[in-house]
């Protein structure tokens, strides 16, 4: 029961665990399993229920994903991500999951692997030779480039890939603050709020243009976007609309940036400390 779930220690009135989540998120999150399989974390005045065991994470993320509601968590970043599979609930979640599943079938992933090999070969050519170097930024770039090639492979998407890759770190940094703070407080930071909305609009517009171009041609370019655009459910005749596809692309992109940020944070914790000053 919610009343039985313990709070993580260190919660402060009004801001909850914002200090820990902004300045040192990894040590804080790693400490949570010691307090129970489910732990409450304060996002401002709102409680976030964190599953801390592999079994529960799998159940929430896969087994019964449609039964859990994430509206409060996604509201602050909805201008960027929209409503994707990871935020939908109930019948909407089940429908979306059915429609995007073909893009992640193992046979389809084998097609993506062809571009992975090309990117890896190019990436190897950028590594310094004969001297020690810090590998983190190179590994992060490989991860993002690989994801972008999986999402949008055609030349028609080159401009969109450039915008998405360059602007997504900026959006993620702001999204982390907007998620932790109450929406009303985050929007008081008027300059950052306006930049977030403008950049979100630009990224979604670029992605929507590419989706429209893919839909006009109808070719299979061997990427995830081709599958999302062309798949029609054989049982119901349903397919994803342009906005639905953009929502999924933005969420996948944000997930890749979260991975990269956490990887950087693990080796260099001071990277995110400056965000506290931005508040």
Protein backbone atom coordinates (compact mmCIF):
# COMPACT_ATOMS: atom_id res chain seq x y z
CA UNK A 1 0.00 0.00 0.00
CA UNK A 2 1.25 3.57 -0.65
CA UNK A 3 1.15 4.30 3.07
CA UNK A 4 3.60 1.46 3.73
CA UNK A 5 6.22 2.66 1.23
CA UNK A 6 9.14 4.38 3.01
CA UNK A 7 10.55 7.74 2.02
CA UNK A 8 14.19 7.94 0.99
CA UNK A 9 16.14 9.88 3.63
CA UNK A 10 17.15 13.50 3.11
CA UNK A 11 13.83 14.90 1.88
CA UNK A 12 13.44 18.66 2.38
CA UNK A 13 10.16 20.62 2.61
CA UNK A 14 8.98 21.96 -0.74
CA UNK A 15 11.86 20.63 -2.87
CA UNK A 16 11.85 16.98 -1.80
CA UNK A 17 15.02 15.27 -3.01
CA UNK A 18 15.85 17.88 -5.68
CA UNK A 19 19.29 18.54 -4.22
CA UNK A 20 20.36 14.89 -4.44
CA UNK A 21 18.78 14.35 -7.85
CA UNK A 22 20.47 17.38 -9.40
CA UNK A 23 23.91 17.24 -7.80
CA UNK A 24 24.66 13.52 -7.30
CA UNK A 25 21.88 11.38 -8.79
CA UNK A 26 23.73 8.09 -9.24
CA UNK A 27 24.87 7.55 -5.63
CA UNK A 28 21.42 8.60 -4.43
CA UNK A 29 19.55 6.22 -6.75
CA UNK A 30 21.97 3.37 -5.98
CA UNK A 31 21.26 3.76 -2.27
CA UNK A 32 17.51 3.27 -2.64
CA UNK A 33 17.41 -0.58 -2.66
CA UNK A 34 18.65 -0.57 0.94
CA UNK A 35 15.34 0.97 2.02
CA UNK A 36 12.97 -1.46 0.30
CA UNK A 37 11.70 -2.84 -3.01
CA UNK A 38 9.66 0.35 -3.52
CA UNK A 39 10.84 3.73 -2.19
CA UNK A 40 9.25 7.18 -2.34
CA UNK A 41 11.36 10.02 -3.74
CA UNK A 42 10.22 13.64 -3.61
CA UNK A 43 10.00 15.51 -6.91
CA UNK A 44 9.29 18.84 -5.30
CA UNK A 45 6.13 18.17 -3.25
CA UNK A 46 5.14 15.17 -5.41
CA UNK A 47 6.01 11.58 -4.49
CA UNK A 48 7.66 9.38 -7.10
CA UNK A 49 7.52 5.65 -6.40
CA UNK A 50 10.82 4.04 -7.37
CA UNK A 51 10.98 0.28 -8.00
CA UNK A 52 14.38 -0.97 -6.85
CA UNK A 53 14.42 -4.67 -7.76
CA UNK A 54 14.93 -6.21 -11.19
CA UNK A 55 11.68 -8.15 -10.87
CA UNK A 56 9.59 -5.07 -10.11
CA UNK A 57 11.28 -2.95 -12.78
CA UNK A 58 10.53 -5.64 -15.36
CA UNK A 59 6.93 -5.93 -14.17
CA UNK A 60 6.37 -2.17 -14.31
CA UNK A 61 8.20 -1.70 -17.60
CA UNK A 62 7.00 -4.80 -19.47
CA UNK A 63 4.64 -7.18 -17.69
CA UNK A 64 1.96 -4.75 -16.49
CA UNK A 65 3.24 -1.54 -18.01
CA UNK A 66 -0.20 -0.38 -19.12
CA UNK A 67 -1.55 -0.48 -15.57
CA UNK A 68 0.77 2.24 -14.27
CA UNK A 69 0.16 5.95 -14.71
CA UNK A 70 3.00 8.41 -15.34
CA UNK A 71 1.03 11.54 -16.22
CA UNK A 72 2.52 13.69 -13.46
CA UNK A 73 6.04 12.60 -14.36
CA UNK A 74 5.71 13.28 -18.08
CA UNK A 75 3.76 16.54 -17.88
CA UNK A 76 6.84 18.78 -17.49
CA UNK A 77 8.53 17.36 -20.61
CA UNK A 78 5.42 16.69 -22.73
CA UNK A 79 6.21 19.59 -25.14
CA UNK A 80 9.27 17.57 -26.16
CA UNK A 81 8.27 13.92 -25.81
CA UNK A 82 4.51 14.02 -26.35
CA UNK A 83 2.72 10.81 -25.36
CA UNK A 84 4.75 7.73 -26.21
CA UNK A 85 4.62 4.08 -25.23
CA UNK A 86 6.43 4.66 -21.92
CA UNK A 87 3.84 7.19 -20.73
CA UNK A 88 0.58 5.75 -22.07
CA UNK A 89 -1.66 3.62 -19.87
CA UNK A 90 -4.38 1.00 -20.28
CA UNK A 91 -5.80 0.30 -23.74
CA UNK A 92 -3.80 3.16 -25.29
CA UNK A 93 -0.58 1.55 -24.06
CA UNK A 94 -1.55 -1.88 -25.39
CA UNK A 95 -2.48 -0.46 -28.81
CA UNK A 96 0.75 1.54 -29.13
CA UNK A 97 2.86 -1.42 -28.02
CA UNK A 98 1.27 -3.62 -30.66
CA UNK A 99 1.87 -1.07 -33.40
CA UNK A 100 5.56 -0.41 -32.65
CA UNK A 101 6.55 -4.01 -31.83
CA UNK A 102 7.62 -4.88 -35.42
CA UNK A 103 10.32 -2.18 -35.28
CA UNK A 104 12.05 -4.13 -32.50
CA UNK A 105 11.69 -7.65 -33.87
CA UNK A 106 14.99 -9.54 -33.93
CA UNK A 107 14.86 -9.84 -37.72
CA UNK A 108 14.51 -6.08 -37.98
CA UNK A 109 17.38 -5.48 -35.57
CA UNK A 110 19.55 -7.65 -37.84
CA UNK A 111 18.87 -5.10 -40.60
CA UNK A 112 19.91 -2.22 -38.35
CA UNK A 113 23.17 -4.08 -37.63
CA UNK A 114 24.43 -3.31 -41.14
CA UNK A 115 24.54 0.41 -40.37
CA UNK A 116 26.01 -0.31 -36.91
CA UNK A 117 29.05 -1.91 -38.57
CA UNK A 118 29.54 1.07 -40.90
CA UNK A 119 29.34 3.54 -38.01
CA UNK A 120 31.76 1.51 -35.90
CA UNK A 121 34.31 1.48 -38.73
CA UNK A 122 34.05 5.25 -39.15
CA UNK A 123 34.21 5.74 -35.37
CA UNK A 124 37.45 3.76 -35.11
CA UNK A 125 39.03 6.19 -37.54
CA UNK A 126 38.36 9.11 -35.17
CA UNK A 127 40.21 7.62 -32.17
CA UNK A 128 43.62 9.04 -31.24
CA UNK A 129 46.52 6.72 -32.02
CA UNK A 130 49.63 6.27 -29.91
CA UNK A 131 48.55 8.37 -26.91
CA UNK A 132 46.25 7.76 -23.92
CA UNK A 133 42.89 9.53 -24.16
CA UNK A 134 39.63 9.94 -22.26
CA UNK A 135 37.26 7.41 -23.84
CA UNK A 136 33.96 8.64 -22.42
CA UNK A 137 33.09 11.30 -25.03
CA UNK A 138 34.04 8.95 -27.86
CA UNK A 139 31.89 6.13 -26.49
CA UNK A 140 28.98 8.49 -25.95
CA UNK A 141 29.24 9.75 -29.53
CA UNK A 142 29.26 6.18 -30.82
CA UNK A 143 26.09 5.44 -28.84
CA UNK A 144 24.25 8.52 -30.13
CA UNK A 145 25.40 8.04 -33.74
CA UNK A 146 24.31 4.41 -33.65
CA UNK A 147 20.90 5.31 -32.28
CA UNK A 148 20.40 8.06 -34.85
CA UNK A 149 21.28 5.68 -37.69
CA UNK A 150 18.77 3.19 -36.31
CA UNK A 151 16.06 5.85 -36.18
CA UNK A 152 16.61 7.73 -39.45
CA UNK A 153 18.96 6.32 -42.06
CA UNK A 154 17.99 8.07 -45.30
CA UNK A 155 19.77 11.10 -46.69
CA UNK A 156 16.49 12.98 -46.48
CA UNK A 157 16.86 12.87 -42.69
CA UNK A 158 20.42 14.25 -42.54
CA UNK A 159 19.36 17.73 -41.45
CA UNK A 160 16.96 16.32 -38.88
CA UNK A 161 19.64 14.02 -37.47
CA UNK A 162 21.97 16.99 -37.09
CA UNK A 163 19.37 19.05 -35.23
CA UNK A 164 18.26 16.16 -33.03
CA UNK A 165 21.82 15.22 -32.09
CA UNK A 166 22.95 18.76 -31.34
CA UNK A 167 19.88 20.00 -29.46
CA UNK A 168 18.87 16.93 -27.46
CA UNK A 169 21.57 17.37 -24.74
CA UNK A 170 20.30 20.90 -24.12
CA UNK A 171 16.72 19.64 -23.86
CA UNK A 172 17.71 16.80 -21.53
CA UNK A 173 19.48 19.17 -19.16
CA UNK A 174 16.39 21.35 -18.93
CA UNK A 175 14.05 18.34 -18.78
CA UNK A 176 15.88 17.00 -15.71
CA UNK A 177 15.22 20.27 -13.89
CA UNK A 178 11.59 20.48 -15.06
CA UNK A 179 10.93 16.94 -13.88
CA UNK A 180 12.37 17.56 -10.42
CA UNK A 181 10.73 20.95 -9.79
CA UNK A 182 6.99 21.67 -9.70
CA UNK A 183 5.83 22.82 -13.15
CA UNK A 184 4.78 26.26 -11.88
CA UNK A 185 8.23 26.82 -10.35
CA UNK A 186 10.07 25.61 -13.46
CA UNK A 187 8.05 27.97 -15.65
CA UNK A 188 9.05 30.94 -13.49
CA UNK A 189 12.49 30.57 -15.08
CA UNK A 190 11.09 32.36 -18.12
CA UNK A 191 14.16 32.37 -20.32
CA UNK A 192 14.85 28.66 -19.84
CA UNK A 193 11.14 27.85 -20.20
CA UNK A 194 10.87 29.70 -23.51
CA UNK A 195 14.07 28.11 -24.89
CA UNK A 196 12.75 24.68 -23.93
CA UNK A 197 9.45 25.25 -25.75
CA UNK A 198 11.13 26.76 -28.82
CA UNK A 199 13.75 24.00 -29.10
CA UNK A 200 11.11 21.31 -28.55
CA UNK A 201 8.98 22.80 -31.33
CA UNK A 202 11.96 22.93 -33.69
CA UNK A 203 13.01 19.34 -33.02
CA UNK A 204 9.48 18.00 -33.41
CA UNK A 205 8.98 19.99 -36.62
CA UNK A 206 12.20 18.56 -38.11
CA UNK A 207 11.15 15.04 -37.17
CA UNK A 208 7.63 15.53 -38.52
CA UNK A 209 8.99 16.74 -41.88
CA UNK A 210 11.06 13.57 -42.19
CA UNK A 211 8.07 11.38 -41.25
CA UNK A 212 6.01 13.11 -43.95
CA UNK A 213 8.77 12.53 -46.52
CA UNK A 214 9.03 8.85 -45.58
CA UNK A 215 5.28 8.50 -45.89
CA UNK A 216 5.27 10.09 -49.37
CA UNK A 217 7.84 7.62 -50.70
CA UNK A 218 6.83 4.53 -48.72
CA UNK A 219 10.22 2.82 -49.22
CA UNK A 220 11.85 0.63 -46.61
CA UNK A 221 15.18 2.30 -45.88
CA UNK A 222 16.24 -0.30 -43.34
CA UNK A 223 15.66 1.91 -40.29
CA UNK A 224 13.23 2.08 -37.40
CA UNK A 225 11.33 5.02 -38.88
CA UNK A 226 10.50 3.05 -42.03
CA UNK A 227 8.88 0.35 -39.92
CA UNK A 228 6.87 2.81 -37.85
CA UNK A 229 5.65 4.63 -40.96
CA UNK A 230 4.78 1.61 -43.10
CA UNK A 231 3.45 -0.94 -40.60
CA UNK A 232 -0.29 -1.62 -40.65
CA UNK A 233 -1.72 -3.97 -38.04
CA UNK A 234 -2.99 -7.01 -40.02
CA UNK A 235 -5.77 -7.68 -37.53
CA UNK A 236 -7.24 -4.21 -37.12
CA UNK A 237 -5.90 -2.14 -40.04
CA UNK A 238 -4.58 0.44 -37.54
CA UNK A 239 -1.37 2.38 -38.09
CA UNK A 240 0.56 5.11 -36.32
CA UNK A 241 -0.17 8.74 -37.16
CA UNK A 242 2.60 11.25 -37.78
CA UNK A 243 2.36 12.77 -34.29
CA UNK A 244 2.44 9.29 -32.72
CA UNK A 245 5.64 8.47 -34.60
CA UNK A 246 7.28 11.77 -33.63
CA UNK A 247 6.40 11.05 -29.98
CA UNK A 248 8.16 7.69 -30.16
CA UNK A 249 11.22 9.16 -31.90
CA UNK A 250 11.58 11.92 -29.31
CA UNK A 251 11.28 9.46 -26.42
CA UNK A 252 13.88 7.11 -27.89
CA UNK A 253 16.21 10.04 -28.42
CA UNK A 254 15.72 11.23 -24.86
CA UNK A 255 16.44 7.73 -23.57
CA UNK A 256 19.75 7.68 -25.43
CA UNK A 257 20.69 11.06 -23.98
CA UNK A 258 19.80 9.89 -20.47
CA UNK A 259 22.12 6.90 -20.94
CA UNK A 260 24.92 9.16 -22.16
CA UNK A 261 24.41 11.63 -19.31
CA UNK A 262 24.46 8.89 -16.68
CA UNK A 263 27.59 7.39 -18.22
CA UNK A 264 29.33 10.77 -18.12
CA UNK A 265 28.09 11.43 -14.61
CA UNK A 266 29.49 8.14 -13.40
CA UNK A 267 33.02 9.07 -14.43
CA UNK A 268 32.75 12.82 -13.78
CA UNK A 269 30.17 13.75 -11.10
CA UNK A 270 30.97 17.45 -11.27
CA UNK A 271 29.31 17.66 -14.70
CA UNK A 272 25.81 18.11 -13.25
CA UNK A 273 26.70 20.06 -10.13
CA UNK A 274 26.52 23.33 -12.02
CA UNK A 275 22.84 22.70 -12.75
CA UNK A 276 21.98 23.53 -9.13
CA UNK A 277 23.32 27.05 -9.67
CA UNK A 278 21.06 27.47 -12.69
CA UNK A 279 17.99 27.19 -10.46
